[in-house]
Amino acid sequence: MGKAKRADGPREGNASTPSLKIHVEEESSLSCAHAPPGHNGRKLSTYEELIRSLSDRVVEAQQPIRILDAIKWEDDVEHAFFAAGCRELPPVSRDYYLSRPLPFDPEQKRREFLSIERDIRRRLGKHNAAGQIMTRTCAEYRQVVDLLVNRGTPAFAALSERLYGGSADSFHAGDPTLADLGRMLSGSLDNLARDAQLVPDEPVLDAGEAMHVLSERLTGFFGDSAAVRIRLSDGIVADAAAGSDYIKLRRDARFTLRDIRLLEVHEGWVHLGTTLNGQNQPICTFLSKGPPSSTLTQEGLAVLTEVLSFASHPARVRRLAHRIQGVALAESGADFLDVYRFFQGAGYSPRESYQHCVRIFRGSLPAGCGPFTKDLCYSKGFVHLYNFMRLAVSRGQVRRLPLLFCGKTNLDDIQTLALLAEEGLLAPPRYLPPPFANLQALAAWLCYANFLPSFGISAKQEKKWSTG
């Protein structure tokens, strides 16, 4: 397996390589470990200390805001749904969320972000590169507060669309929408699903076994310089999720070796890697935490890296395509049962269908309020990142690609990130996924990728190559 690229050079694996720290523990909130104050072994200048202090305030202010924790449905909702034979809407109402108060005072948190935003403008000016990202982040977190305050109301879905996008979004004027992309992908993938050679593997590892296999894989990437923890949790919808310095595996989930490879790349190389790279920033510490606007880029990077490292597979892409369609159905007025039947009709088990639906309706209501649209970011982000990479190679700017791994970045900030790097305010990423660490090979592939759409398949070739 490829090694992570580090500032101090690649580390060769050997028998004495220590394994990652592993803890089996209940889910709890972890705080972000900030990078040491020095930058390249020197003391920060007064200007750098100012940016660092304002950046730290942004990080501290967002600390109690945990979007997925605040909108999740507990296990009792699932039990009630299946106890009713999957024929009744899950028992989630506005009161369900109100009985689970937020761990912060919303109005006080809004004022805190306004105060930080005001201080950034006063002390850095409105045109400062780092200040522009931080002020936008503060404004965005105020929207996140509004999102969480409006759990279980129609306003929740409207705010979700503002933060994460909607299925009717298009990539360019007149182009197909995200919903169109989901339908087109599903058509191709449904054909692949009938291929006996592409039948999904049977899960053979329980969560504890998967934890140890994943630990061995990630040791080769992070080495002993990062104390990454792998935890078992009962409180997540997905089979796995990445935190600040840990990966959570759902305690009752089972995994295939292909699943482990996907987790290694998606959660480990990208999500954990960008978090640790952000924590290693000596000045721009705000990159250690990602607001919703960074989700599109981070999930897009993760899916793109899956594909480039050959960790993805048709069943994985099919799930992402079906989630787009599920969100689109909910946006058009379908309730939880309608979307549940859609997933069952696509061949998912009752438990899988329920989990897909929960991802779409969490924070909202099972009917009448619209969806939580975060699941659109995976495919939309992939397309945006792929197009950016093609543009970068055509303009001789491939060197900018690693900037996206400096922390929880936003593709729209790429020029600002490049300026911060030129000013010496941005440290290069310590951990880079192998496909992006090898810019020579990546650039060569992108050169061909830029021209492939111009060379279609003729009718004669299609007839000659077709096998069915």
Protein backbone atom coordinates (compact mmCIF):
# COMPACT_ATOMS: atom_id res chain seq x y z
CA MET A 1 0.00 0.00 0.00
CA GLY A 2 1.25 3.55 -0.72
CA LYS A 3 2.66 5.48 2.18
CA ALA A 4 1.45 8.90 3.25
CA LYS A 5 3.49 11.83 2.10
CA ARG A 6 4.90 13.70 5.10
CA ALA A 7 6.84 16.91 5.52
CA ASP A 8 9.77 14.93 6.90
CA GLY A 9 9.70 12.38 4.08
CA PRO A 10 8.05 8.98 3.70
CA ARG A 11 8.46 6.48 6.47
CA GLU A 12 9.29 2.94 5.49
CA GLY A 13 7.21 0.23 7.13
CA ASN A 14 8.95 -2.51 9.08
CA ALA A 15 8.33 -5.13 11.70
CA SER A 16 8.93 -2.67 14.51
CA THR A 17 6.26 -0.24 13.30
CA PRO A 18 4.02 0.46 16.32
CA SER A 19 0.31 -0.04 15.82
CA LEU A 20 -2.17 2.75 16.23
CA LYS A 21 -3.65 3.42 19.62
CA ILE A 22 -6.96 1.57 19.77
CA HIS A 23 -9.68 2.24 22.27
CA VAL A 24 -13.04 0.50 22.47
CA GLU A 25 -15.20 3.04 24.21
CA GLU A 26 -18.59 4.67 24.20
CA GLU A 27 -19.16 7.65 21.96
CA SER A 28 -18.27 10.98 23.52
CA SER A 29 -17.35 14.47 22.40
CA LEU A 30 -13.66 15.08 21.75
CA SER A 31 -11.98 18.47 21.55
CA CYS A 32 -9.61 19.55 18.82
CA ALA A 33 -5.91 19.40 19.62
CA HIS A 34 -4.32 22.59 18.32
CA ALA A 35 -0.98 22.69 16.60
CA PRO A 36 2.04 24.07 18.48
CA PRO A 37 2.49 27.85 18.20
CA GLY A 38 5.77 27.73 16.29
CA HIS A 39 5.87 27.94 12.48
CA ASN A 40 8.79 26.18 10.77
CA GLY A 41 10.69 26.26 14.05
CA ARG A 42 10.39 30.02 14.56
CA LYS A 43 8.28 32.29 16.72
CA LEU A 44 5.12 33.69 15.16
CA SER A 45 5.13 37.31 14.11
CA THR A 46 2.64 39.77 15.61
CA TYR A 47 0.51 39.52 12.46
CA GLU A 48 0.59 35.70 12.51
CA GLU A 49 -0.31 35.65 16.22
CA LEU A 50 -3.30 37.88 15.47
CA ILE A 51 -4.61 35.53 12.78
CA ARG A 52 -3.95 32.56 15.05
CA SER A 53 -5.82 34.09 17.99
CA LEU A 54 -8.86 34.96 15.86
CA SER A 55 -8.74 31.53 14.24
CA ASP A 56 -8.67 29.85 17.65
CA ARG A 57 -11.76 31.80 18.66
CA VAL A 58 -13.65 30.46 15.64
CA VAL A 59 -12.60 26.90 16.51
CA GLU A 60 -13.59 27.34 20.15
CA ALA A 61 -16.95 28.89 19.32
CA GLN A 62 -18.05 26.01 17.10
CA GLN A 63 -16.93 23.36 19.60
CA PRO A 64 -20.38 22.49 21.06
CA ILE A 65 -22.08 22.49 17.64
CA ARG A 66 -22.48 18.89 16.53
CA ILE A 67 -24.92 18.76 13.64
CA LEU A 68 -25.28 14.99 13.27
CA ASP A 69 -25.53 14.45 17.03
CA ALA A 70 -28.27 17.07 17.27
CA ILE A 71 -30.44 15.60 14.50
CA LYS A 72 -29.94 11.85 14.95
CA TRP A 73 -32.79 9.45 15.67
CA GLU A 74 -32.24 7.11 18.60
CA ASP A 75 -32.56 3.33 18.45
CA ASP A 76 -36.06 3.39 19.98
CA VAL A 77 -37.35 5.02 16.77
CA GLU A 78 -36.01 2.14 14.70
CA HIS A 79 -37.45 -0.44 17.09
CA ALA A 80 -40.89 1.20 16.90
CA PHE A 81 -40.77 1.33 13.09
CA PHE A 82 -40.03 -2.37 12.72
CA ALA A 83 -42.40 -3.31 15.55
CA ALA A 84 -45.16 -1.71 13.46
CA GLY A 85 -44.22 -3.92 10.51
CA CYS A 86 -42.68 -1.00 8.59
CA ARG A 87 -46.22 0.20 7.82
CA GLU A 88 -46.32 3.30 10.03
CA LEU A 89 -44.24 6.47 9.97
CA PRO A 90 -41.43 6.55 12.57
CA PRO A 91 -42.58 8.25 15.81
CA VAL A 92 -40.61 11.48 15.36
CA SER A 93 -42.27 14.85 15.93
CA ARG A 94 -41.21 18.41 16.69
CA ASP A 95 -41.48 17.51 20.37
CA TYR A 96 -39.03 14.65 19.80
CA TYR A 97 -36.31 17.19 19.04
CA LEU A 98 -37.40 19.65 21.72
CA SER A 99 -36.97 16.88 24.29
CA ARG A 100 -33.32 16.72 23.20
CA PRO A 101 -32.07 20.24 23.90
CA LEU A 102 -29.00 21.63 22.19
CA PRO A 103 -25.80 21.75 24.29
CA PHE A 104 -25.55 25.53 23.84
CA ASP A 105 -27.74 28.60 24.01
CA PRO A 106 -28.65 29.46 20.39
CA GLU A 107 -29.00 33.22 20.85
CA GLN A 108 -25.79 33.45 22.83
CA LYS A 109 -23.97 31.40 20.18
CA ARG A 110 -25.24 33.69 17.41
CA ARG A 111 -23.96 36.73 19.32
CA GLU A 112 -20.61 35.03 19.88
CA PHE A 113 -20.08 34.43 16.16
CA LEU A 114 -21.20 37.98 15.34
CA SER A 115 -18.68 39.31 17.84
CA ILE A 116 -15.86 37.24 16.33
CA GLU A 117 -16.85 38.27 12.81
CA ARG A 118 -16.87 41.94 13.85
CA ASP A 119 -13.42 41.63 15.46
CA ILE A 120 -12.00 39.92 12.35
CA ARG A 121 -13.15 42.78 10.14
CA ARG A 122 -11.90 45.43 12.55
CA ARG A 123 -8.47 43.91 13.10
CA LEU A 124 -7.74 42.32 9.71
CA GLY A 125 -9.87 44.35 7.31
CA LYS A 126 -12.53 43.04 4.93
CA HIS A 127 -10.04 42.06 2.19
CA ASN A 128 -7.64 39.96 4.27
CA ALA A 129 -7.38 36.40 2.83
CA ALA A 130 -7.60 34.49 6.12
CA GLY A 131 -10.17 36.94 7.42
CA GLN A 132 -12.47 36.37 4.45
CA ILE A 133 -12.63 32.63 5.12
CA MET A 134 -13.13 33.14 8.85
CA THR A 135 -15.90 35.74 8.51
CA ARG A 136 -17.76 33.53 6.05
CA THR A 137 -17.34 30.60 8.45
CA CYS A 138 -18.83 32.64 11.30
CA ALA A 139 -21.81 33.63 9.15
CA GLU A 140 -22.27 30.03 8.13
CA TYR A 141 -22.24 28.75 11.70
CA ARG A 142 -25.01 31.22 12.52
CA GLN A 143 -27.03 29.50 9.79
CA VAL A 144 -26.15 26.14 11.35
CA VAL A 145 -27.53 27.39 14.67
CA ASP A 146 -30.74 28.35 12.85
CA LEU A 147 -30.82 24.92 11.21
CA LEU A 148 -30.65 23.13 14.55
CA VAL A 149 -33.15 25.45 16.25
CA ASN A 150 -35.61 24.56 13.48
CA ARG A 151 -35.35 20.78 13.81
CA GLY A 152 -38.69 19.17 13.00
CA THR A 153 -40.07 22.14 11.04
CA PRO A 154 -40.29 22.97 7.30
CA ALA A 155 -37.61 25.64 7.85
CA PHE A 156 -35.10 22.87 8.58
CA ALA A 157 -35.21 21.52 5.01
CA ALA A 158 -35.00 25.02 3.53
CA LEU A 159 -31.91 25.79 5.61
CA SER A 160 -30.43 22.40 4.76
CA GLU A 161 -30.77 23.17 1.04
CA ARG A 162 -29.10 26.54 1.57
CA LEU A 163 -26.16 24.89 3.34
CA TYR A 164 -25.77 21.64 1.37
CA GLY A 165 -27.67 22.20 -1.88
CA GLY A 166 -30.68 20.48 -3.43
CA SER A 167 -31.27 17.76 -5.99
CA ALA A 168 -32.45 20.32 -8.57
CA ASP A 169 -29.01 21.99 -8.56
CA SER A 170 -27.15 21.83 -11.87
CA PHE A 171 -23.41 21.99 -12.47
CA HIS A 172 -23.75 24.60 -15.22
CA ALA A 173 -26.67 26.47 -16.74
CA GLY A 174 -28.62 24.09 -18.94
CA ASP A 175 -26.72 21.02 -17.73
CA PRO A 176 -28.38 17.98 -16.13
CA THR A 177 -29.33 18.36 -12.47
CA LEU A 178 -28.10 16.27 -9.58
CA ALA A 179 -31.37 14.34 -9.73
CA ASP A 180 -30.64 13.60 -13.40
CA LEU A 181 -27.17 12.39 -12.44
CA GLY A 182 -28.67 10.03 -9.88
CA ARG A 183 -31.05 8.56 -12.43
CA MET A 184 -28.37 8.19 -15.11
CA LEU A 185 -25.96 6.50 -12.71
CA SER A 186 -28.67 4.16 -11.46
CA GLY A 187 -29.44 2.99 -14.99
CA SER A 188 -25.85 1.92 -15.67
CA LEU A 189 -25.34 0.50 -12.19
CA ASP A 190 -28.53 -1.55 -12.27
CA ASN A 191 -27.09 -3.32 -15.33
CA LEU A 192 -23.82 -3.96 -13.48
CA ALA A 193 -25.75 -5.29 -10.49
CA ARG A 194 -26.89 -8.21 -12.66
CA ASP A 195 -23.30 -9.21 -13.49
CA ALA A 196 -22.38 -12.33 -11.50
CA GLN A 197 -18.74 -11.19 -11.32
CA LEU A 198 -19.77 -8.00 -9.51
CA VAL A 199 -21.99 -9.47 -6.80
CA PRO A 200 -21.19 -7.76 -3.46
CA ASP A 201 -19.06 -9.76 -1.03
CA GLU A 202 -20.63 -11.28 2.05
CA PRO A 203 -19.59 -9.53 5.30
CA VAL A 204 -17.29 -11.79 7.29
CA LEU A 205 -15.93 -9.44 9.99
CA ASP A 206 -17.72 -8.14 13.05
CA ALA A 207 -16.98 -4.59 14.24
CA GLY A 208 -14.23 -5.71 16.64
CA GLU A 209 -12.43 -7.68 13.95
CA ALA A 210 -12.84 -4.86 11.46
CA MET A 211 -11.37 -2.45 14.00
CA HIS A 212 -8.12 -4.40 14.22
CA VAL A 213 -7.78 -4.90 10.44
CA LEU A 214 -8.41 -1.19 9.86
CA SER A 215 -5.83 -0.31 12.51
CA GLU A 216 -3.15 -2.29 10.70
CA ARG A 217 -4.03 -0.59 7.41
CA LEU A 218 -3.92 2.93 8.84
CA THR A 219 -0.62 2.31 10.61
CA GLY A 220 1.01 2.14 7.19
CA PHE A 221 -0.41 5.56 6.32
CA PHE A 222 -0.11 7.62 9.50
CA GLY A 223 2.78 5.76 11.15
CA ASP A 224 3.39 6.49 14.82
CA SER A 225 3.24 10.27 14.48
CA ALA A 226 -0.55 10.41 14.97
CA ALA A 227 -2.49 8.76 17.78
CA VAL A 228 -5.54 7.77 15.75
CA ARG A 229 -8.23 5.93 17.67
CA ILE A 230 -10.79 3.47 16.37
CA ARG A 231 -13.93 3.31 18.47
CA LEU A 232 -17.04 1.19 18.60
CA SER A 233 -20.27 3.17 18.85
CA ASP A 234 -23.99 2.53 19.10
CA GLY A 235 -25.00 6.04 18.11
CA ILE A 236 -24.28 6.39 14.38
CA VAL A 237 -26.47 5.71 11.35
CA ALA A 238 -23.67 4.79 8.95
CA ASP A 239 -21.49 1.73 9.45
CA ALA A 240 -18.57 4.08 10.13
CA ALA A 241 -17.77 7.78 10.57
CA ALA A 242 -14.65 9.86 11.19
CA GLY A 243 -14.19 12.24 14.11
CA SER A 244 -11.37 14.58 15.11
CA ASP A 245 -8.76 11.90 15.77
CA TYR A 246 -10.83 8.74 15.60
CA ILE A 247 -12.97 6.54 13.39
CA LYS A 248 -16.23 5.17 14.79
CA LEU A 249 -17.54 1.77 13.73
CA ARG A 250 -21.13 0.87 14.50
CA ARG A 251 -20.99 -1.88 17.09
CA ASP A 252 -23.59 -4.13 15.45
CA ALA A 253 -22.30 -3.71 11.87
CA ARG A 254 -20.52 -6.39 9.87
CA PHE A 255 -17.88 -5.72 7.25
CA THR A 256 -16.21 -7.18 4.18
CA LEU A 257 -12.53 -6.69 3.39
CA ARG A 258 -13.69 -4.41 0.58
CA ASP A 259 -15.56 -2.34 3.19
CA ILE A 260 -12.36 -2.04 5.22
CA ARG A 261 -10.44 -0.82 2.17
CA LEU A 262 -13.13 1.80 1.56
CA LEU A 263 -12.96 2.96 5.19
CA GLU A 264 -9.18 3.09 5.02
CA VAL A 265 -9.33 5.44 2.05
CA HIS A 266 -12.50 7.48 2.70
CA GLU A 267 -12.51 7.89 6.47
CA GLY A 268 -8.78 7.41 7.08
CA TRP A 269 -6.76 8.92 4.24
CA VAL A 270 -9.17 11.79 3.56
CA HIS A 271 -11.37 12.66 6.54
CA LEU A 272 -8.89 11.87 9.31
CA GLY A 273 -5.99 13.03 7.18
CA THR A 274 -7.49 16.46 6.49
CA THR A 275 -8.48 16.84 10.15
CA LEU A 276 -4.94 16.12 11.32
CA ASN A 277 -3.49 18.36 8.63
CA GLY A 278 -5.79 21.13 9.87
CA GLN A 279 -4.72 20.54 13.46
CA ASN A 280 -1.10 20.82 12.33
CA GLN A 281 -1.71 24.32 10.98
CA PRO A 282 0.29 26.68 13.23
CA ILE A 283 -1.63 29.81 12.16
CA CYS A 284 -4.82 28.97 10.24
CA THR A 285 -6.21 26.65 12.89
CA PHE A 286 -9.74 27.25 11.58
CA LEU A 287 -8.91 24.60 8.96
CA SER A 288 -9.12 21.91 11.66
CA LYS A 289 -12.92 22.15 11.63
CA GLY A 290 -15.23 22.12 8.65
CA PRO A 291 -18.47 24.07 8.34
CA PRO A 292 -21.13 22.73 5.93
CA SER A 293 -19.61 24.63 2.98
CA SER A 294 -16.53 22.41 3.27
CA THR A 295 -18.64 19.23 3.22
CA LEU A 296 -19.03 19.32 -0.56
CA THR A 297 -15.26 19.43 -1.04
CA GLN A 298 -14.40 16.96 1.72
CA GLU A 299 -16.90 14.31 0.64
CA GLY A 300 -16.02 14.93 -3.01
CA LEU A 301 -12.32 14.41 -2.22
CA ALA A 302 -13.15 11.23 -0.33
CA VAL A 303 -15.22 9.71 -3.16
CA LEU A 304 -12.68 10.82 -5.78
CA THR A 305 -9.85 9.25 -3.78
CA GLU A 306 -11.88 6.05 -3.49
CA VAL A 307 -12.06 5.90 -7.28
CA LEU A 308 -8.43 6.87 -7.93
CA SER A 309 -7.15 4.26 -5.46
CA PHE A 310 -9.47 1.52 -6.82
CA ALA A 311 -11.18 1.22 -3.46
CA SER A 312 -14.67 1.97 -4.79
CA HIS A 313 -17.01 -0.56 -6.41
CA PRO A 314 -20.35 -0.50 -8.29
CA ALA A 315 -22.47 -1.26 -5.22
CA ARG A 316 -20.91 1.73 -3.44
CA VAL A 317 -21.60 4.12 -6.33
CA ARG A 318 -25.11 2.68 -6.66
CA ARG A 319 -25.82 3.56 -3.01
CA LEU A 320 -24.67 7.14 -3.58
CA ALA A 321 -26.86 7.41 -6.70
CA HIS A 322 -29.89 6.02 -4.90
CA ARG A 323 -29.42 8.48 -2.03
CA ILE A 324 -29.65 11.32 -4.55
CA GLN A 325 -32.92 9.84 -5.79
CA GLY A 326 -34.15 9.40 -2.22
CA VAL A 327 -33.47 13.06 -1.44
CA ALA A 328 -35.21 14.09 -4.68
CA LEU A 329 -38.28 12.04 -3.74
CA ALA A 330 -38.44 13.66 -0.30
CA GLU A 331 -38.06 17.11 -1.86
CA SER A 332 -41.03 16.37 -4.12
CA GLY A 333 -43.23 15.48 -1.13
CA ALA A 334 -42.63 11.75 -0.59
CA ASP A 335 -42.78 10.68 3.05
CA PHE A 336 -40.56 8.25 4.93
CA LEU A 337 -42.61 5.21 3.89
CA ASP A 338 -42.51 6.21 0.22
CA VAL A 339 -38.73 6.56 0.27
CA TYR A 340 -38.39 3.36 2.31
CA ARG A 341 -40.30 1.47 -0.38
CA PHE A 342 -38.08 3.03 -3.04
CA PHE A 343 -34.97 1.58 -1.39
CA GLN A 344 -36.61 -1.79 -0.86
CA GLY A 345 -37.63 -1.82 -4.51
CA ALA A 346 -33.97 -1.19 -5.41
CA GLY A 347 -33.00 -4.41 -3.63
CA TYR A 348 -31.86 -3.19 -0.21
CA SER A 349 -32.69 -5.15 2.94
CA PRO A 350 -35.25 -3.73 5.38
CA ARG A 351 -32.48 -2.58 7.75
CA GLU A 352 -30.44 -1.00 4.93
CA SER A 353 -33.55 0.71 3.54
CA TYR A 354 -34.34 2.14 6.97
CA GLN A 355 -30.79 3.42 7.45
CA HIS A 356 -30.79 5.12 4.03
CA CYS A 357 -34.08 6.79 4.87
CA VAL A 358 -32.92 7.99 8.27
CA ARG A 359 -29.97 9.73 6.62
CA ILE A 360 -32.47 11.64 4.48
CA PHE A 361 -35.11 12.50 7.11
CA ARG A 362 -33.03 13.05 10.28
CA GLY A 363 -33.50 16.56 11.65
CA SER A 364 -36.74 16.82 9.72
CA LEU A 365 -40.02 14.92 10.15
CA PRO A 366 -41.09 11.63 8.51
CA ALA A 367 -43.68 13.55 6.47
CA GLY A 368 -44.45 17.09 5.37
CA CYS A 369 -41.15 18.85 6.05
CA GLY A 370 -38.67 17.82 3.37
CA PRO A 371 -35.23 16.21 3.64
CA PHE A 372 -31.79 16.77 5.14
CA THR A 373 -29.78 17.12 1.93
CA LYS A 374 -26.19 16.41 3.04
CA ASP A 375 -26.09 13.11 1.10
CA LEU A 376 -26.04 15.07 -2.16
CA CYS A 377 -22.52 16.31 -1.37
CA TYR A 378 -20.82 12.99 -2.17
CA SER A 379 -21.67 12.90 -5.86
CA LYS A 380 -21.90 16.65 -6.41
CA GLY A 381 -18.52 17.12 -4.74
CA PHE A 382 -16.98 14.38 -6.89
CA VAL A 383 -18.08 16.13 -10.10
CA HIS A 384 -16.85 19.54 -8.91
CA LEU A 385 -13.46 18.16 -7.85
CA TYR A 386 -13.02 16.18 -11.07
CA ASN A 387 -13.78 19.25 -13.17
CA PHE A 388 -11.42 21.37 -11.09
CA MET A 389 -8.62 18.84 -11.51
CA ARG A 390 -9.08 18.81 -15.28
CA LEU A 391 -8.97 22.61 -15.31
CA ALA A 392 -5.88 22.63 -13.09
CA VAL A 393 -3.91 20.38 -15.43
CA SER A 394 -4.96 22.33 -18.54
CA ARG A 395 -3.71 25.55 -16.91
CA GLY A 396 -0.52 24.10 -15.45
CA GLN A 397 -1.71 24.39 -11.83
CA VAL A 398 -1.60 20.78 -10.68
CA ARG A 399 0.64 21.92 -7.83
CA ARG A 400 -2.46 23.46 -6.23
CA LEU A 401 -4.24 20.13 -5.73
CA PRO A 402 -2.49 19.27 -2.41
CA LEU A 403 -3.77 22.56 -0.95
CA LEU A 404 -7.20 20.94 -0.70
CA PHE A 405 -5.79 18.52 1.89
CA CYS A 406 -4.37 21.24 4.18
CA GLY A 407 -7.43 20.90 6.40
CA LYS A 408 -11.19 21.13 6.08
CA THR A 409 -11.02 23.23 2.94
CA ASN A 410 -13.56 24.54 0.45
CA LEU A 411 -12.81 24.29 -3.27
CA ASP A 412 -14.21 27.80 -3.76
CA ASP A 413 -11.35 29.06 -1.56
CA ILE A 414 -8.59 27.57 -3.73
CA GLN A 415 -7.23 30.96 -4.83
CA THR A 416 -7.33 32.24 -1.25
CA LEU A 417 -5.56 29.12 -0.02
CA ALA A 418 -2.87 29.60 -2.66
CA LEU A 419 -2.40 33.19 -1.47
CA LEU A 420 -2.12 32.05 2.16
CA ALA A 421 0.48 29.49 1.13
CA GLU A 422 2.47 32.14 -0.75
CA GLU A 423 2.37 34.39 2.35
CA GLY A 424 3.72 31.54 4.48
CA LEU A 425 0.54 31.38 6.55
CA LEU A 426 -0.48 27.90 5.39
CA ALA A 427 1.54 24.79 6.17
CA PRO A 428 1.58 22.07 3.47
CA PRO A 429 -0.42 18.92 4.25
CA ARG A 430 1.54 16.39 6.27
CA TYR A 431 -0.65 13.52 5.12
CA LEU A 432 -1.53 13.14 1.45
CA PRO A 433 -3.38 10.14 -0.05
CA PRO A 434 -1.05 8.26 -2.43
CA PRO A 435 -2.99 9.24 -5.61
CA PHE A 436 -2.43 12.92 -4.77
CA ALA A 437 1.10 12.51 -3.44
CA ASN A 438 2.17 11.35 -6.91
CA LEU A 439 1.40 14.48 -8.93
CA GLN A 440 3.41 13.20 -11.92
CA ALA A 441 1.12 10.21 -12.45
CA LEU A 442 -2.02 12.18 -11.58
CA ALA A 443 -1.15 14.90 -14.11
CA ALA A 444 -0.54 12.31 -16.83
CA TRP A 445 -3.95 10.73 -16.22
CA LEU A 446 -5.68 14.13 -16.18
CA CYS A 447 -4.10 15.07 -19.52
CA TYR A 448 -5.94 12.19 -21.16
CA ALA A 449 -9.09 12.81 -19.07
CA ASN A 450 -9.32 16.33 -20.48
CA PHE A 451 -9.62 15.06 -24.05
CA LEU A 452 -11.58 11.82 -23.63
CA PRO A 453 -15.04 13.49 -23.74
CA SER A 454 -14.16 14.85 -27.21
CA PHE A 455 -13.73 11.36 -28.64
CA GLY A 456 -17.05 9.55 -28.59
CA ILE A 457 -17.88 5.98 -29.58
CA SER A 458 -19.05 5.56 -33.18
CA ALA A 459 -22.03 3.38 -34.03
CA LYS A 460 -19.66 0.97 -35.78
CA GLN A 461 -17.45 0.68 -32.71
CA GLU A 462 -20.44 0.23 -30.43
CA LYS A 463 -21.71 -2.63 -32.56
CA LYS A 464 -18.25 -4.24 -32.73
CA TRP A 465 -17.53 -3.92 -29.02
CA SER A 466 -20.98 -4.70 -27.65
CA THR A 467 -21.28 -8.06 -25.89
CA GLY A 468 -25.02 -8.19 -25.49
